C-alpha atoms as a PDB file:
ATOM      1  CA  UNK A   1       7.850 -45.125 -70.470  1.00  0.00           C
ATOM      2  CA  UNK A   2      10.929 -44.197 -68.425  1.00  0.00           C
ATOM      3  CA  UNK A   3      12.466 -46.639 -65.973  1.00  0.00           C
ATOM      4  CA  UNK A   4      11.239 -44.600 -63.003  1.00  0.00           C
ATOM      5  CA  UNK A   5       7.672 -44.627 -64.308  1.00  0.00           C
ATOM      6  CA  UNK A   6       7.872 -48.370 -64.954  1.00  0.00           C
ATOM      7  CA  UNK A   7       9.013 -49.069 -61.391  1.00  0.00           C
ATOM      8  CA  UNK A   8       6.288 -46.762 -60.061  1.00  0.00           C
ATOM      9  CA  UNK A   9       3.687 -48.673 -62.082  1.00  0.00           C
ATOM     10  CA  UNK A  10       4.918 -52.038 -60.787  1.00  0.00           C
ATOM     11  CA  UNK A  11       4.912 -50.703 -57.227  1.00  0.00           C
ATOM     12  CA  UNK A  12       1.352 -49.418 -57.475  1.00  0.00           C
ATOM     13  CA  UNK A  13       0.017 -52.617 -59.035  1.00  0.00           C
ATOM     14  CA  UNK A  14       1.794 -54.691 -56.376  1.00  0.00           C
ATOM     15  CA  UNK A  15       0.317 -52.581 -53.591  1.00  0.00           C
ATOM     16  CA  UNK A  16      -3.122 -52.940 -55.198  1.00  0.00           C
ATOM     17  CA  UNK A  17      -2.653 -56.720 -55.280  1.00  0.00           C
ATOM     18  CA  UNK A  18      -1.670 -56.782 -51.600  1.00  0.00           C
ATOM     19  CA  UNK A  19      -4.535 -54.505 -50.513  1.00  0.00           C
ATOM     20  CA  UNK A  20      -7.162 -56.381 -52.532  1.00  0.00           C
ATOM     21  CA  UNK A  21      -5.789 -59.743 -51.439  1.00  0.00           C
ATOM     22  CA  UNK A  22      -5.787 -58.834 -47.750  1.00  0.00           C
ATOM     23  CA  UNK A  23      -9.416 -57.722 -47.717  1.00  0.00           C
ATOM     24  CA  UNK A  24     -10.442 -60.526 -50.089  1.00  0.00           C
ATOM     25  CA  UNK A  25      -8.878 -63.230 -47.917  1.00  0.00           C
ATOM     26  CA  UNK A  26     -11.050 -62.168 -44.988  1.00  0.00           C
ATOM     27  CA  UNK A  27     -14.152 -62.370 -47.186  1.00  0.00           C
ATOM     28  CA  UNK A  28     -13.130 -65.796 -48.553  1.00  0.00           C
ATOM     29  CA  UNK A  29     -12.429 -67.076 -45.041  1.00  0.00           C
ATOM     30  CA  UNK A  30     -16.014 -66.284 -44.070  1.00  0.00           C
ATOM     31  CA  UNK A  31     -17.403 -67.955 -47.205  1.00  0.00           C
ATOM     32  CA  UNK A  32     -18.657 -64.837 -48.957  1.00  0.00           C
ATOM     33  CA  UNK A  33     -19.500 -64.928 -52.700  1.00  0.00           C
ATOM     34  CA  UNK A  34     -16.900 -62.281 -53.630  1.00  0.00           C
ATOM     35  CA  UNK A  35     -13.614 -63.201 -51.989  1.00  0.00           C
ATOM     36  CA  UNK A  36      -9.862 -63.218 -52.612  1.00  0.00           C
ATOM     37  CA  UNK A  37      -9.795 -63.232 -56.418  1.00  0.00           C
ATOM     38  CA  UNK A  38     -12.681 -60.832 -56.899  1.00  0.00           C
ATOM     39  CA  UNK A  39     -11.369 -58.210 -54.454  1.00  0.00           C
ATOM     40  CA  UNK A  40      -7.854 -58.470 -55.898  1.00  0.00           C
ATOM     41  CA  UNK A  41      -9.092 -58.051 -59.466  1.00  0.00           C
ATOM     42  CA  UNK A  42     -11.266 -55.080 -58.529  1.00  0.00           C
ATOM     43  CA  UNK A  43      -8.406 -53.330 -56.736  1.00  0.00           C
ATOM     44  CA  UNK A  44      -5.870 -53.951 -59.519  1.00  0.00           C
ATOM     45  CA  UNK A  45      -8.282 -52.944 -62.295  1.00  0.00           C
ATOM     46  CA  UNK A  46      -9.194 -49.721 -60.484  1.00  0.00           C
ATOM     47  CA  UNK A  47      -5.497 -48.989 -60.020  1.00  0.00           C
ATOM     48  CA  UNK A  48      -4.756 -49.702 -63.707  1.00  0.00           C
ATOM     49  CA  UNK A  49      -7.487 -47.367 -64.928  1.00  0.00           C
ATOM     50  CA  UNK A  50      -6.236 -44.551 -62.715  1.00  0.00           C
ATOM     51  CA  UNK A  51      -2.688 -45.185 -63.968  1.00  0.00           C
ATOM     52  CA  UNK A  52      -4.030 -44.883 -67.504  1.00  0.00           C
ATOM     53  CA  UNK A  53      -5.664 -41.556 -66.714  1.00  0.00           C
ATOM     54  CA  UNK A  54      -2.572 -40.323 -64.867  1.00  0.00           C
ATOM     55  CA  UNK A  55      -0.087 -41.218 -67.605  1.00  0.00           C
ATOM     56  CA  UNK A  56      -2.427 -39.966 -70.296  1.00  0.00           C
ATOM     57  CA  UNK A  57      -2.347 -36.515 -68.714  1.00  0.00           C
ATOM     58  CA  UNK A  58       1.451 -36.667 -68.385  1.00  0.00           C
ATOM     59  CA  UNK A  59       2.255 -37.910 -71.895  1.00  0.00           C
ATOM     60  CA  UNK A  60      -0.645 -37.472 -74.334  1.00  0.00           C
ATOM     61  CA  UNK A  61      -2.147 -34.236 -73.027  1.00  0.00           C
ATOM     62  CA  UNK A  62       1.288 -32.675 -72.551  1.00  0.00           C
ATOM     63  CA  UNK A  63       2.414 -33.438 -76.111  1.00  0.00           C
ATOM     64  CA  UNK A  64      -0.871 -32.587 -77.847  1.00  0.00           C
ATOM     65  CA  UNK A  65      -1.667 -29.558 -75.644  1.00  0.00           C
ATOM     66  CA  UNK A  66      -5.199 -30.857 -75.049  1.00  0.00           C
ATOM     67  CA  UNK A  67      -5.927 -30.130 -71.411  1.00  0.00           C
ATOM     68  CA  UNK A  68      -8.319 -32.459 -69.600  1.00  0.00           C
ATOM     69  CA  UNK A  69      -8.696 -34.870 -72.526  1.00  0.00           C
ATOM     70  CA  UNK A  70      -8.892 -37.705 -69.993  1.00  0.00           C
ATOM     71  CA  UNK A  71      -9.821 -36.278 -66.604  1.00  0.00           C
ATOM     72  CA  UNK A  72      -8.682 -38.565 -63.732  1.00  0.00           C
ATOM     73  CA  UNK A  73     -11.621 -37.463 -61.579  1.00  0.00           C
ATOM     74  CA  UNK A  74     -14.068 -38.546 -64.278  1.00  0.00           C
ATOM     75  CA  UNK A  75     -12.246 -41.839 -64.568  1.00  0.00           C
ATOM     76  CA  UNK A  76     -12.622 -42.370 -60.806  1.00  0.00           C
ATOM     77  CA  UNK A  77     -16.321 -41.538 -61.026  1.00  0.00           C
ATOM     78  CA  UNK A  78     -16.788 -44.036 -63.851  1.00  0.00           C
ATOM     79  CA  UNK A  79     -14.971 -46.756 -61.914  1.00  0.00           C
ATOM     80  CA  UNK A  80     -17.115 -46.300 -58.813  1.00  0.00           C
ATOM     81  CA  UNK A  81     -20.302 -46.329 -60.901  1.00  0.00           C
ATOM     82  CA  UNK A  82     -19.303 -49.565 -62.628  1.00  0.00           C
ATOM     83  CA  UNK A  83     -18.289 -51.232 -59.376  1.00  0.00           C
ATOM     84  CA  UNK A  84     -21.801 -50.550 -58.057  1.00  0.00           C
ATOM     85  CA  UNK A  85     -23.171 -53.173 -60.456  1.00  0.00           C
ATOM     86  CA  UNK A  86     -20.607 -55.728 -59.265  1.00  0.00           C
ATOM     87  CA  UNK A  87     -21.515 -54.993 -55.651  1.00  0.00           C
ATOM     88  CA  UNK A  88     -25.193 -55.478 -56.448  1.00  0.00           C
ATOM     89  CA  UNK A  89     -24.389 -58.990 -57.656  1.00  0.00           C
ATOM     90  CA  UNK A  90     -23.016 -59.877 -54.215  1.00  0.00           C
ATOM     91  CA  UNK A  91     -26.311 -59.053 -52.499  1.00  0.00           C
ATOM     92  CA  UNK A  92     -28.588 -62.076 -52.207  1.00  0.00           C
ATOM     93  CA  UNK A  93     -32.133 -62.295 -50.847  1.00  0.00           C
ATOM     94  CA  UNK A  94     -32.897 -65.594 -49.125  1.00  0.00           C
ATOM     95  CA  UNK A  95     -36.498 -65.610 -47.997  1.00  0.00           C
ATOM     96  CA  UNK A  96     -36.827 -62.615 -45.704  1.00  0.00           C
ATOM     97  CA  UNK A  97     -33.059 -62.390 -45.145  1.00  0.00           C
ATOM     98  CA  UNK A  98     -30.757 -60.153 -47.187  1.00  0.00           C
ATOM     99  CA  UNK A  99     -27.104 -61.187 -47.286  1.00  0.00           C
ATOM    100  CA  UNK A 100     -24.006 -59.783 -48.941  1.00  0.00           C
ATOM    101  CA  UNK A 101     -24.313 -56.132 -47.936  1.00  0.00           C
ATOM    102  CA  UNK A 102     -20.951 -56.152 -46.143  1.00  0.00           C
ATOM    103  CA  UNK A 103     -19.278 -57.820 -49.124  1.00  0.00           C
ATOM    104  CA  UNK A 104     -20.822 -55.270 -51.498  1.00  0.00           C
ATOM    105  CA  UNK A 105     -19.524 -52.445 -49.314  1.00  0.00           C
ATOM    106  CA  UNK A 106     -16.076 -54.107 -49.241  1.00  0.00           C
ATOM    107  CA  UNK A 107     -16.004 -54.295 -53.045  1.00  0.00           C
ATOM    108  CA  UNK A 108     -16.874 -50.606 -53.297  1.00  0.00           C
ATOM    109  CA  UNK A 109     -14.238 -49.758 -50.681  1.00  0.00           C
ATOM    110  CA  UNK A 110     -11.489 -51.839 -52.282  1.00  0.00           C
ATOM    111  CA  UNK A 111     -12.184 -50.107 -55.587  1.00  0.00           C
ATOM    112  CA  UNK A 112     -11.667 -46.744 -53.888  1.00  0.00           C
ATOM    113  CA  UNK A 113      -8.412 -48.073 -52.399  1.00  0.00           C
ATOM    114  CA  UNK A 114      -7.270 -49.130 -55.875  1.00  0.00           C
ATOM    115  CA  UNK A 115      -8.015 -45.628 -57.150  1.00  0.00           C
ATOM    116  CA  UNK A 116      -5.945 -44.085 -54.350  1.00  0.00           C
ATOM    117  CA  UNK A 117      -3.022 -46.420 -55.069  1.00  0.00           C
ATOM    118  CA  UNK A 118      -3.253 -45.640 -58.778  1.00  0.00           C
ATOM    119  CA  UNK A 119      -3.038 -41.927 -58.007  1.00  0.00           C
ATOM    120  CA  UNK A 120      -0.077 -42.453 -55.686  1.00  0.00           C
ATOM    121  CA  UNK A 121      -1.789 -41.803 -52.351  1.00  0.00           C
ATOM    122  CA  UNK A 122      -0.024 -44.687 -50.626  1.00  0.00           C
ATOM    123  CA  UNK A 123      -0.454 -43.558 -47.027  1.00  0.00           C
ATOM    124  CA  UNK A 124      -4.200 -42.979 -47.405  1.00  0.00           C
ATOM    125  CA  UNK A 125      -4.591 -46.285 -49.260  1.00  0.00           C
ATOM    126  CA  UNK A 126      -2.666 -48.142 -46.553  1.00  0.00           C
ATOM    127  CA  UNK A 127      -4.783 -46.598 -43.808  1.00  0.00           C
ATOM    128  CA  UNK A 128      -7.984 -47.433 -45.724  1.00  0.00           C
ATOM    129  CA  UNK A 129      -6.858 -51.049 -46.232  1.00  0.00           C
ATOM    130  CA  UNK A 130      -6.048 -51.401 -42.537  1.00  0.00           C
ATOM    131  CA  UNK A 131      -9.411 -49.888 -41.579  1.00  0.00           C
ATOM    132  CA  UNK A 132     -11.375 -52.091 -44.001  1.00  0.00           C
ATOM    133  CA  UNK A 133      -9.700 -55.282 -42.771  1.00  0.00           C
ATOM    134  CA  UNK A 134     -10.355 -54.370 -39.145  1.00  0.00           C
ATOM    135  CA  UNK A 135     -13.965 -53.428 -39.821  1.00  0.00           C
ATOM    136  CA  UNK A 136     -14.599 -56.782 -41.518  1.00  0.00           C
ATOM    137  CA  UNK A 137     -12.572 -58.998 -39.185  1.00  0.00           C
ATOM    138  CA  UNK A 138     -11.969 -57.365 -35.810  1.00  0.00           C
ATOM    139  CA  UNK A 139     -15.400 -55.749 -35.612  1.00  0.00           C
ATOM    140  CA  UNK A 140     -16.934 -59.182 -36.271  1.00  0.00           C
ATOM    141  CA  UNK A 141     -15.151 -60.479 -33.152  1.00  0.00           C
ATOM    142  CA  UNK A 142     -16.380 -57.493 -31.156  1.00  0.00           C
ATOM    143  CA  UNK A 143     -19.950 -58.073 -32.338  1.00  0.00           C
ATOM    144  CA  UNK A 144     -19.630 -61.711 -31.260  1.00  0.00           C
ATOM    145  CA  UNK A 145     -18.978 -60.599 -27.675  1.00  0.00           C
ATOM    146  CA  UNK A 146     -21.735 -58.000 -27.585  1.00  0.00           C
ATOM    147  CA  UNK A 147     -25.252 -58.679 -26.385  1.00  0.00           C
ATOM    148  CA  UNK A 148     -26.999 -58.210 -29.693  1.00  0.00           C
ATOM    149  CA  UNK A 149     -30.616 -58.563 -30.722  1.00  0.00           C
ATOM    150  CA  UNK A 150     -31.344 -61.094 -33.461  1.00  0.00           C
ATOM    151  CA  UNK A 151     -34.551 -60.916 -35.466  1.00  0.00           C
ATOM    152  CA  UNK A 152     -36.327 -63.577 -37.508  1.00  0.00           C
ATOM    153  CA  UNK A 153     -39.567 -63.836 -39.453  1.00  0.00           C
ATOM    154  CA  UNK A 154     -41.658 -66.650 -38.012  1.00  0.00           C
ATOM    155  CA  UNK A 155     -44.739 -68.511 -39.168  1.00  0.00           C
ATOM    156  CA  UNK A 156     -46.419 -71.703 -38.017  1.00  0.00           C
ATOM    157  CA  UNK A 157     -49.363 -73.647 -39.432  1.00  0.00           C
ATOM    158  CA  UNK A 158     -51.454 -75.755 -37.089  1.00  0.00           C
ATOM    159  CA  UNK A 159     -54.176 -78.303 -37.626  1.00  0.00           C
ATOM    160  CA  UNK A 160     -57.385 -76.295 -37.339  1.00  0.00           C
ATOM    161  CA  UNK A 161     -59.043 -78.795 -35.026  1.00  0.00           C
ATOM    162  CA  UNK A 162     -56.247 -78.608 -32.438  1.00  0.00           C
ATOM    163  CA  UNK A 163     -54.685 -75.198 -33.006  1.00  0.00           C
ATOM    164  CA  UNK A 164     -52.807 -73.574 -30.143  1.00  0.00           C
ATOM    165  CA  UNK A 165     -54.276 -70.404 -28.738  1.00  0.00           C
ATOM    166  CA  UNK A 166     -52.288 -67.198 -29.129  1.00  0.00           C
ATOM    167  CA  UNK A 167     -51.566 -67.262 -25.393  1.00  0.00           C
ATOM    168  CA  UNK A 168     -50.166 -70.802 -25.601  1.00  0.00           C
ATOM    169  CA  UNK A 169     -48.033 -69.946 -28.637  1.00  0.00           C
ATOM    170  CA  UNK A 170     -46.637 -66.847 -26.939  1.00  0.00           C
ATOM    171  CA  UNK A 171     -45.785 -69.026 -23.935  1.00  0.00           C
ATOM    172  CA  UNK A 172     -43.843 -71.429 -26.186  1.00  0.00           C
ATOM    173  CA  UNK A 173     -41.937 -68.531 -27.762  1.00  0.00           C
ATOM    174  CA  UNK A 174     -41.170 -66.991 -24.370  1.00  0.00           C
ATOM    175  CA  UNK A 175     -39.966 -70.330 -22.961  1.00  0.00           C
ATOM    176  CA  UNK A 176     -37.518 -70.527 -25.875  1.00  0.00           C
ATOM    177  CA  UNK A 177     -36.207 -67.026 -25.184  1.00  0.00           C
ATOM    178  CA  UNK A 178     -38.000 -65.394 -28.114  1.00  0.00           C
ATOM    179  CA  UNK A 179     -40.127 -62.275 -27.952  1.00  0.00           C
ATOM    180  CA  UNK A 180     -42.845 -61.967 -30.632  1.00  0.00           C
ATOM    181  CA  UNK A 181     -44.156 -58.716 -32.046  1.00  0.00           C
ATOM    182  CA  UNK A 182     -46.738 -57.864 -34.686  1.00  0.00           C
ATOM    183  CA  UNK A 183     -48.538 -61.183 -34.311  1.00  0.00           C
ATOM    184  CA  UNK A 184     -51.000 -61.904 -37.117  1.00  0.00           C
ATOM    185  CA  UNK A 185     -53.127 -64.980 -37.754  1.00  0.00           C
ATOM    186  CA  UNK A 186     -55.684 -66.444 -40.098  1.00  0.00           C
ATOM    187  CA  UNK A 187     -56.969 -69.537 -41.901  1.00  0.00           C
ATOM    188  CA  UNK A 188     -55.029 -70.825 -44.925  1.00  0.00           C
ATOM    189  CA  UNK A 189     -55.211 -73.825 -47.241  1.00  0.00           C
ATOM    190  CA  UNK A 190     -58.958 -73.434 -47.820  1.00  0.00           C
ATOM    191  CA  UNK A 191     -59.539 -73.337 -44.083  1.00  0.00           C
ATOM    192  CA  UNK A 192     -57.621 -76.514 -43.252  1.00  0.00           C
ATOM    193  CA  UNK A 193     -54.870 -74.814 -41.229  1.00  0.00           C
ATOM    194  CA  UNK A 194     -54.632 -72.005 -38.754  1.00  0.00           C
ATOM    195  CA  UNK A 195     -51.521 -69.868 -39.314  1.00  0.00           C
ATOM    196  CA  UNK A 196     -49.653 -67.460 -37.042  1.00  0.00           C
ATOM    197  CA  UNK A 197     -47.058 -65.004 -38.332  1.00  0.00           C
ATOM    198  CA  UNK A 198     -44.802 -62.730 -36.294  1.00  0.00           C
ATOM    199  CA  UNK A 199     -41.441 -61.032 -36.096  1.00  0.00           C
ATOM    200  CA  UNK A 200     -39.520 -62.584 -33.215  1.00  0.00           C
ATOM    201  CA  UNK A 201     -36.569 -61.144 -31.297  1.00  0.00           C
ATOM    202  CA  UNK A 202     -33.954 -62.960 -29.230  1.00  0.00           C
ATOM    203  CA  UNK A 203     -30.547 -62.265 -27.692  1.00  0.00           C
ATOM    204  CA  UNK A 204     -29.154 -65.709 -28.552  1.00  0.00           C
ATOM    205  CA  UNK A 205     -29.297 -67.305 -32.013  1.00  0.00           C
ATOM    206  CA  UNK A 206     -29.378 -70.739 -30.376  1.00  0.00           C
ATOM    207  CA  UNK A 207     -32.859 -69.888 -29.110  1.00  0.00           C
ATOM    208  CA  UNK A 208     -34.083 -70.131 -32.698  1.00  0.00           C
ATOM    209  CA  UNK A 209     -32.836 -73.734 -32.811  1.00  0.00           C
ATOM    210  CA  UNK A 210     -34.570 -74.467 -29.508  1.00  0.00           C
ATOM    211  CA  UNK A 211     -37.791 -73.045 -30.889  1.00  0.00           C
ATOM    212  CA  UNK A 212     -37.498 -75.211 -34.016  1.00  0.00           C
ATOM    213  CA  UNK A 213     -36.977 -78.350 -31.907  1.00  0.00           C
ATOM    214  CA  UNK A 214     -39.902 -77.436 -29.665  1.00  0.00           C
ATOM    215  CA  UNK A 215     -42.259 -76.927 -32.595  1.00  0.00           C
ATOM    216  CA  UNK A 216     -41.063 -80.110 -34.339  1.00  0.00           C
ATOM    217  CA  UNK A 217     -42.091 -82.123 -31.280  1.00  0.00           C
ATOM    218  CA  UNK A 218     -45.681 -80.859 -31.322  1.00  0.00           C
ATOM    219  CA  UNK A 219     -48.105 -83.125 -33.255  1.00  0.00           C
ATOM    220  CA  UNK A 220     -50.474 -80.247 -33.978  1.00  0.00           C
ATOM    221  CA  UNK A 221     -47.811 -78.344 -35.957  1.00  0.00           C
ATOM    222  CA  UNK A 222     -48.178 -79.056 -39.676  1.00  0.00           C
ATOM    223  CA  UNK A 223     -45.564 -76.590 -40.901  1.00  0.00           C
ATOM    224  CA  UNK A 224     -43.369 -73.806 -39.565  1.00  0.00           C
ATOM    225  CA  UNK A 225     -40.635 -71.489 -40.783  1.00  0.00           C
ATOM    226  CA  UNK A 226     -37.991 -69.374 -39.049  1.00  0.00           C
ATOM    227  CA  UNK A 227     -36.086 -67.003 -41.366  1.00  0.00           C
ATOM    228  CA  UNK A 228     -33.340 -64.995 -39.632  1.00  0.00           C
ATOM    229  CA  UNK A 229     -32.686 -61.546 -40.969  1.00  0.00           C
ATOM    230  CA  UNK A 230     -29.298 -61.212 -42.681  1.00  0.00           C
ATOM    231  CA  UNK A 231     -26.748 -58.447 -42.071  1.00  0.00           C
END
């Protein structure tokens, strides 16, 4: 490997480290399962594989006259396919909530950035890194200032002898700033409890805490659950 190629390799790997680290730090800061180290490793490994394909074409294919022996586009396709399995590992289902989708998308994106750096598309890779960081960090701040709708799966079990009527339960939900939809109900526990289930909507996550406190104070409530939907 010539000195120029060596310096180019070091430059590309360094840029991959910086890009992966920048996006990974934001994920680590927000306590996500795949953070600084994982994003950095994904970006560097993607860059290394594309460097392998690139230099193979330059050196091996040129000297053996075997065109396309290691196609860089196929290498990129293989990388993105493999990264899909890593992204799937970041997605976690907690009750009715699904978390980790943004982290999975970030892993897939940082792999693409590593591929671009490995192929020498520095400007595009820099723009993609800047965009990814802003989407994950700045857009989160924007969402925090927007009037958003939050959804949660809700169920409550009441003593059968003193169960609240649907009208009374809806009044409790409304007082706490929650709007129920798709209300269903029935007897459970061999007829010992009366259960309501619904999808509730609110514009303030704190309303879910108010609802929990309100239900906890009612003697007739035997059990309840509020499972916010994840992003």
